Amino acid sequence: MTRRAPRDRRAADVAIRRGRADDAAAAAELARQLGYPTTAAQAGERLRRAAQTPDAVVLVAEAAAGRVVGWAHAFGVYLLESEPYAELGGLVVDEGERGRGVGRALVAAVESWAREGGFASVRLRSNVVRERAHAFYERLGYERVKTQHCFRRELRGPERQPR
């Protein structure tokens, strides 16, 4: 059994900024690390759409020399049955940077964005198998409020343009 060297637990030295089109390749690589096969072209289009969507933000963590080491995507949710809230739709930190405070910095930036947008809470969803992620969110003060099933139906047919 090999032991892993302990990680450097110091706070990350990163700058948090809004995502840009030129972050597409890095965003795609990070999405792949999270388990979502994504091309740079797909990530670029998603970054463009998010930038044009009111009440949505993509934030990136930029380390030395401009290297993107994490991103977070959040958006406003408006439902009839509840007050509006911000949802943290995605958060990923480069595998080599985890445990250094990058995720904590990104979540804090999302929370700040949400407060400035008038949202009273931030919610998120996390796959049941991501136990390390659950512990991370709980350490940040998030509480587990429910378990649910997620359903999807693929819509085939004529090419559909996103709004």
C-alpha atoms as a PDB file:
ATOM      1  CA  MET A   1       0.000   0.000   0.000  1.00  0.00           C
ATOM      2  CA  THR A   2       1.510   3.318  -1.031  1.00  0.00           C
ATOM      3  CA  ARG A   3       0.931   6.403   1.019  1.00  0.00           C
ATOM      4  CA  ARG A   4       0.230   9.700  -0.609  1.00  0.00           C
ATOM      5  CA  ALA A   5       2.272  12.654   0.467  1.00  0.00           C
ATOM      6  CA  PRO A   6       0.256  15.092   2.567  1.00  0.00           C
ATOM      7  CA  ARG A   7      -1.077  18.029   0.624  1.00  0.00           C
ATOM      8  CA  ASP A   8      -0.026  21.557   1.255  1.00  0.00           C
ATOM      9  CA  ARG A   9      -3.066  22.881   3.149  1.00  0.00           C
ATOM     10  CA  ARG A  10      -2.187  26.562   2.761  1.00  0.00           C
ATOM     11  CA  ALA A  11      -4.759  28.839   1.221  1.00  0.00           C
ATOM     12  CA  ALA A  12      -4.639  29.048  -2.538  1.00  0.00           C
ATOM     13  CA  ASP A  13      -2.974  32.042  -4.108  1.00  0.00           C
ATOM     14  CA  VAL A  14      -5.541  32.576  -6.853  1.00  0.00           C
ATOM     15  CA  ALA A  15      -7.501  35.445  -8.311  1.00  0.00           C
ATOM     16  CA  ILE A  16     -11.218  34.945  -8.880  1.00  0.00           C
ATOM     17  CA  ARG A  17     -12.585  36.601 -12.008  1.00  0.00           C
ATOM     18  CA  ARG A  18     -15.411  36.199 -14.503  1.00  0.00           C
ATOM     19  CA  GLY A  19     -14.959  33.526 -17.126  1.00  0.00           C
ATOM     20  CA  ARG A  20     -14.022  34.605 -20.665  1.00  0.00           C
ATOM     21  CA  ALA A  21     -14.120  32.999 -24.094  1.00  0.00           C
ATOM     22  CA  ASP A  22     -10.376  32.338 -23.953  1.00  0.00           C
ATOM     23  CA  ASP A  23     -10.943  30.120 -20.880  1.00  0.00           C
ATOM     24  CA  ALA A  24     -12.712  27.513 -23.026  1.00  0.00           C
ATOM     25  CA  ALA A  25      -9.891  24.951 -23.273  1.00  0.00           C
ATOM     26  CA  ALA A  26      -9.171  25.083 -19.538  1.00  0.00           C
ATOM     27  CA  ALA A  27     -12.889  24.938 -18.697  1.00  0.00           C
ATOM     28  CA  ALA A  28     -13.272  21.866 -20.921  1.00  0.00           C
ATOM     29  CA  GLU A  29     -10.330  20.088 -19.277  1.00  0.00           C
ATOM     30  CA  LEU A  30     -11.748  20.783 -15.822  1.00  0.00           C
ATOM     31  CA  ALA A  31     -15.196  19.538 -16.887  1.00  0.00           C
ATOM     32  CA  ARG A  32     -13.541  16.314 -18.068  1.00  0.00           C
ATOM     33  CA  GLN A  33     -11.879  15.939 -14.653  1.00  0.00           C
ATOM     34  CA  LEU A  34     -15.352  16.232 -13.135  1.00  0.00           C
ATOM     35  CA  GLY A  35     -16.540  13.407 -15.389  1.00  0.00           C
ATOM     36  CA  TYR A  36     -18.257  15.394 -18.140  1.00  0.00           C
ATOM     37  CA  PRO A  37     -16.664  14.884 -21.575  1.00  0.00           C
ATOM     38  CA  THR A  38     -16.478  18.375 -23.063  1.00  0.00           C
ATOM     39  CA  THR A  39     -14.614  19.876 -25.996  1.00  0.00           C
ATOM     40  CA  ALA A  40     -13.108  23.344 -26.001  1.00  0.00           C
ATOM     41  CA  ALA A  41     -15.677  24.367 -28.635  1.00  0.00           C
ATOM     42  CA  GLN A  42     -18.551  23.178 -26.437  1.00  0.00           C
ATOM     43  CA  ALA A  43     -17.108  24.935 -23.390  1.00  0.00           C
ATOM     44  CA  GLY A  44     -16.647  28.116 -25.426  1.00  0.00           C
ATOM     45  CA  GLU A  45     -20.270  28.096 -26.531  1.00  0.00           C
ATOM     46  CA  ARG A  46     -21.440  27.448 -22.965  1.00  0.00           C
ATOM     47  CA  LEU A  47     -19.282  30.287 -21.650  1.00  0.00           C
ATOM     48  CA  ARG A  48     -20.766  32.591 -24.299  1.00  0.00           C
ATOM     49  CA  ARG A  49     -24.328  31.609 -23.405  1.00  0.00           C
ATOM     50  CA  ALA A  50     -23.720  32.011 -19.675  1.00  0.00           C
ATOM     51  CA  ALA A  51     -22.246  35.477 -20.254  1.00  0.00           C
ATOM     52  CA  GLN A  52     -25.409  36.480 -22.137  1.00  0.00           C
ATOM     53  CA  THR A  53     -27.803  35.059 -19.553  1.00  0.00           C
ATOM     54  CA  PRO A  54     -29.168  37.502 -16.993  1.00  0.00           C
ATOM     55  CA  ASP A  55     -28.690  36.248 -13.440  1.00  0.00           C
ATOM     56  CA  ALA A  56     -25.927  33.804 -14.380  1.00  0.00           C
ATOM     57  CA  VAL A  57     -22.191  33.893 -13.790  1.00  0.00           C
ATOM     58  CA  VAL A  58     -19.139  31.789 -14.526  1.00  0.00           C
ATOM     59  CA  LEU A  59     -16.228  32.504 -12.220  1.00  0.00           C
ATOM     60  CA  VAL A  60     -12.743  31.124 -12.687  1.00  0.00           C
ATOM     61  CA  ALA A  61      -9.847  30.735 -10.281  1.00  0.00           C
ATOM     62  CA  GLU A  62      -6.664  31.922 -11.936  1.00  0.00           C
ATOM     63  CA  ALA A  63      -3.283  30.931 -10.516  1.00  0.00           C
ATOM     64  CA  ALA A  64       0.180  32.162 -11.436  1.00  0.00           C
ATOM     65  CA  ALA A  65       0.856  32.902 -15.093  1.00  0.00           C
ATOM     66  CA  GLY A  66      -2.863  33.021 -15.831  1.00  0.00           C
ATOM     67  CA  ARG A  67      -3.446  29.268 -15.421  1.00  0.00           C
ATOM     68  CA  VAL A  68      -7.125  28.479 -14.776  1.00  0.00           C
ATOM     69  CA  VAL A  69      -7.305  25.995 -11.885  1.00  0.00           C
ATOM     70  CA  GLY A  70     -11.036  25.974 -11.202  1.00  0.00           C
ATOM     71  CA  TRP A  71     -14.416  27.294 -12.173  1.00  0.00           C
ATOM     72  CA  ALA A  72     -17.881  27.766 -10.728  1.00  0.00           C
ATOM     73  CA  HIS A  73     -21.150  28.354 -12.570  1.00  0.00           C
ATOM     74  CA  ALA A  74     -24.145  29.835 -10.779  1.00  0.00           C
ATOM     75  CA  PHE A  75     -27.530  31.129 -11.873  1.00  0.00           C
ATOM     76  CA  GLY A  76     -30.755  32.513 -10.486  1.00  0.00           C
ATOM     77  CA  VAL A  77     -33.728  30.171 -10.108  1.00  0.00           C
ATOM     78  CA  TYR A  78     -37.279  31.489 -10.103  1.00  0.00           C
ATOM     79  CA  LEU A  79     -39.961  28.993  -9.145  1.00  0.00           C
ATOM     80  CA  LEU A  80     -43.631  29.484  -8.316  1.00  0.00           C
ATOM     81  CA  GLU A  81     -43.321  27.415  -5.146  1.00  0.00           C
ATOM     82  CA  SER A  82     -40.381  29.196  -3.535  1.00  0.00           C
ATOM     83  CA  GLU A  83     -38.559  32.465  -3.226  1.00  0.00           C
ATOM     84  CA  PRO A  84     -35.845  33.063  -5.830  1.00  0.00           C
ATOM     85  CA  TYR A  85     -32.457  31.587  -5.015  1.00  0.00           C
ATOM     86  CA  ALA A  86     -29.055  31.182  -6.609  1.00  0.00           C
ATOM     87  CA  GLU A  87     -27.995  27.709  -7.626  1.00  0.00           C
ATOM     88  CA  LEU A  88     -24.385  26.631  -7.799  1.00  0.00           C
ATOM     89  CA  GLY A  89     -24.739  24.564 -10.943  1.00  0.00           C
ATOM     90  CA  GLY A  90     -21.137  23.443 -11.201  1.00  0.00           C
ATOM     91  CA  LEU A  91     -17.876  23.674  -9.290  1.00  0.00           C
ATOM     92  CA  VAL A  92     -14.591  22.020 -10.169  1.00  0.00           C
ATOM     93  CA  VAL A  93     -11.004  22.476  -9.042  1.00  0.00           C
ATOM     94  CA  ASP A  94      -8.033  20.999 -10.875  1.00  0.00           C
ATOM     95  CA  GLU A  95      -7.033  17.641  -9.366  1.00  0.00           C
ATOM     96  CA  GLY A  96      -3.557  18.960  -8.538  1.00  0.00           C
ATOM     97  CA  GLU A  97      -4.940  22.001  -6.725  1.00  0.00           C
ATOM     98  CA  ARG A  98      -7.584  20.401  -4.519  1.00  0.00           C
ATOM     99  CA  GLY A  99      -7.310  20.893  -0.779  1.00  0.00           C
ATOM    100  CA  ARG A 100      -5.622  24.315  -1.076  1.00  0.00           C
ATOM    101  CA  GLY A 101      -8.644  26.597  -0.717  1.00  0.00           C
ATOM    102  CA  VAL A 102      -9.476  27.136  -4.403  1.00  0.00           C
ATOM    103  CA  GLY A 103     -12.966  25.649  -4.052  1.00  0.00           C
ATOM    104  CA  ARG A 104     -13.589  27.627  -0.883  1.00  0.00           C
ATOM    105  CA  ALA A 105     -12.591  30.844  -2.705  1.00  0.00           C
ATOM    106  CA  LEU A 106     -14.884  30.053  -5.637  1.00  0.00           C
ATOM    107  CA  VAL A 107     -17.858  29.281  -3.365  1.00  0.00           C
ATOM    108  CA  ALA A 108     -17.271  32.516  -1.419  1.00  0.00           C
ATOM    109  CA  ALA A 109     -17.244  34.446  -4.707  1.00  0.00           C
ATOM    110  CA  VAL A 110     -20.503  32.774  -5.803  1.00  0.00           C
ATOM    111  CA  GLU A 111     -22.079  33.664  -2.452  1.00  0.00           C
ATOM    112  CA  SER A 112     -20.967  37.269  -2.861  1.00  0.00           C
ATOM    113  CA  TRP A 113     -22.411  37.364  -6.399  1.00  0.00           C
ATOM    114  CA  ALA A 114     -25.688  35.925  -5.072  1.00  0.00           C
ATOM    115  CA  ARG A 115     -25.930  38.491  -2.252  1.00  0.00           C
ATOM    116  CA  GLU A 116     -25.268  41.331  -4.694  1.00  0.00           C
ATOM    117  CA  GLY A 117     -28.017  39.932  -6.935  1.00  0.00           C
ATOM    118  CA  GLY A 118     -30.531  39.964  -4.082  1.00  0.00           C
ATOM    119  CA  PHE A 119     -30.702  36.212  -3.540  1.00  0.00           C
ATOM    120  CA  ALA A 120     -31.251  35.120   0.065  1.00  0.00           C
ATOM    121  CA  SER A 121     -29.757  31.650  -0.361  1.00  0.00           C
ATOM    122  CA  VAL A 122     -27.502  29.461  -2.486  1.00  0.00           C
ATOM    123  CA  ARG A 123     -28.479  25.893  -3.257  1.00  0.00           C
ATOM    124  CA  LEU A 124     -26.605  23.154  -5.036  1.00  0.00           C
ATOM    125  CA  ARG A 125     -26.974  19.550  -6.086  1.00  0.00           C
ATOM    126  CA  SER A 126     -24.279  16.935  -5.753  1.00  0.00           C
ATOM    127  CA  ASN A 127     -24.249  13.381  -7.072  1.00  0.00           C
ATOM    128  CA  VAL A 128     -24.802  10.858  -4.273  1.00  0.00           C
ATOM    129  CA  VAL A 129     -21.445   9.215  -5.013  1.00  0.00           C
ATOM    130  CA  ARG A 130     -19.417  12.420  -4.452  1.00  0.00           C
ATOM    131  CA  GLU A 131     -18.914  11.944  -0.728  1.00  0.00           C
ATOM    132  CA  ARG A 132     -15.802  14.160  -0.584  1.00  0.00           C
ATOM    133  CA  ALA A 133     -17.779  16.970  -2.201  1.00  0.00           C
ATOM    134  CA  HIS A 134     -20.591  16.527   0.333  1.00  0.00           C
ATOM    135  CA  ALA A 135     -18.127  16.822   3.215  1.00  0.00           C
ATOM    136  CA  PHE A 136     -16.596  19.918   1.593  1.00  0.00           C
ATOM    137  CA  TYR A 137     -19.977  21.672   1.315  1.00  0.00           C
ATOM    138  CA  GLU A 138     -20.925  20.726   4.860  1.00  0.00           C
ATOM    139  CA  ARG A 139     -17.635  22.195   6.138  1.00  0.00           C
ATOM    140  CA  LEU A 140     -18.643  25.432   4.406  1.00  0.00           C
ATOM    141  CA  GLY A 141     -21.947  25.483   6.293  1.00  0.00           C
ATOM    142  CA  TYR A 142     -24.252  24.000   3.671  1.00  0.00           C
ATOM    143  CA  GLU A 143     -26.876  21.622   4.981  1.00  0.00           C
ATOM    144  CA  ARG A 144     -28.289  18.572   3.261  1.00  0.00           C
ATOM    145  CA  VAL A 145     -31.989  19.256   2.883  1.00  0.00           C
ATOM    146  CA  LYS A 146     -33.293  16.417   0.709  1.00  0.00           C
ATOM    147  CA  THR A 147     -32.553  13.500  -1.543  1.00  0.00           C
ATOM    148  CA  GLN A 148     -34.336  13.229  -4.856  1.00  0.00           C
ATOM    149  CA  HIS A 149     -34.357  11.448  -8.181  1.00  0.00           C
ATOM    150  CA  CYS A 150     -33.388  13.278 -11.346  1.00  0.00           C
ATOM    151  CA  PHE A 151     -35.252  12.473 -14.551  1.00  0.00           C
ATOM    152  CA  ARG A 152     -34.332  13.321 -18.124  1.00  0.00           C
ATOM    153  CA  ARG A 153     -35.882  12.811 -21.518  1.00  0.00           C
ATOM    154  CA  GLU A 154     -33.732  13.389 -24.580  1.00  0.00           C
ATOM    155  CA  LEU A 155     -35.489  15.491 -27.172  1.00  0.00           C
ATOM    156  CA  ARG A 156     -34.663  14.209 -30.632  1.00  0.00           C
ATOM    157  CA  GLY A 157     -35.745  15.710 -33.891  1.00  0.00           C
ATOM    158  CA  PRO A 158     -35.176  19.016 -35.676  1.00  0.00           C
ATOM    159  CA  GLU A 159     -32.203  21.033 -34.495  1.00  0.00           C
ATOM    160  CA  ARG A 160     -33.274  23.166 -31.564  1.00  0.00           C
ATOM    161  CA  GLN A 161     -31.664  26.549 -30.912  1.00  0.00           C
ATOM    162  CA  PRO A 162     -30.968  27.367 -27.256  1.00  0.00           C
ATOM    163  CA  ARG A 163     -32.655  30.519 -26.017  1.00  0.00           C
END
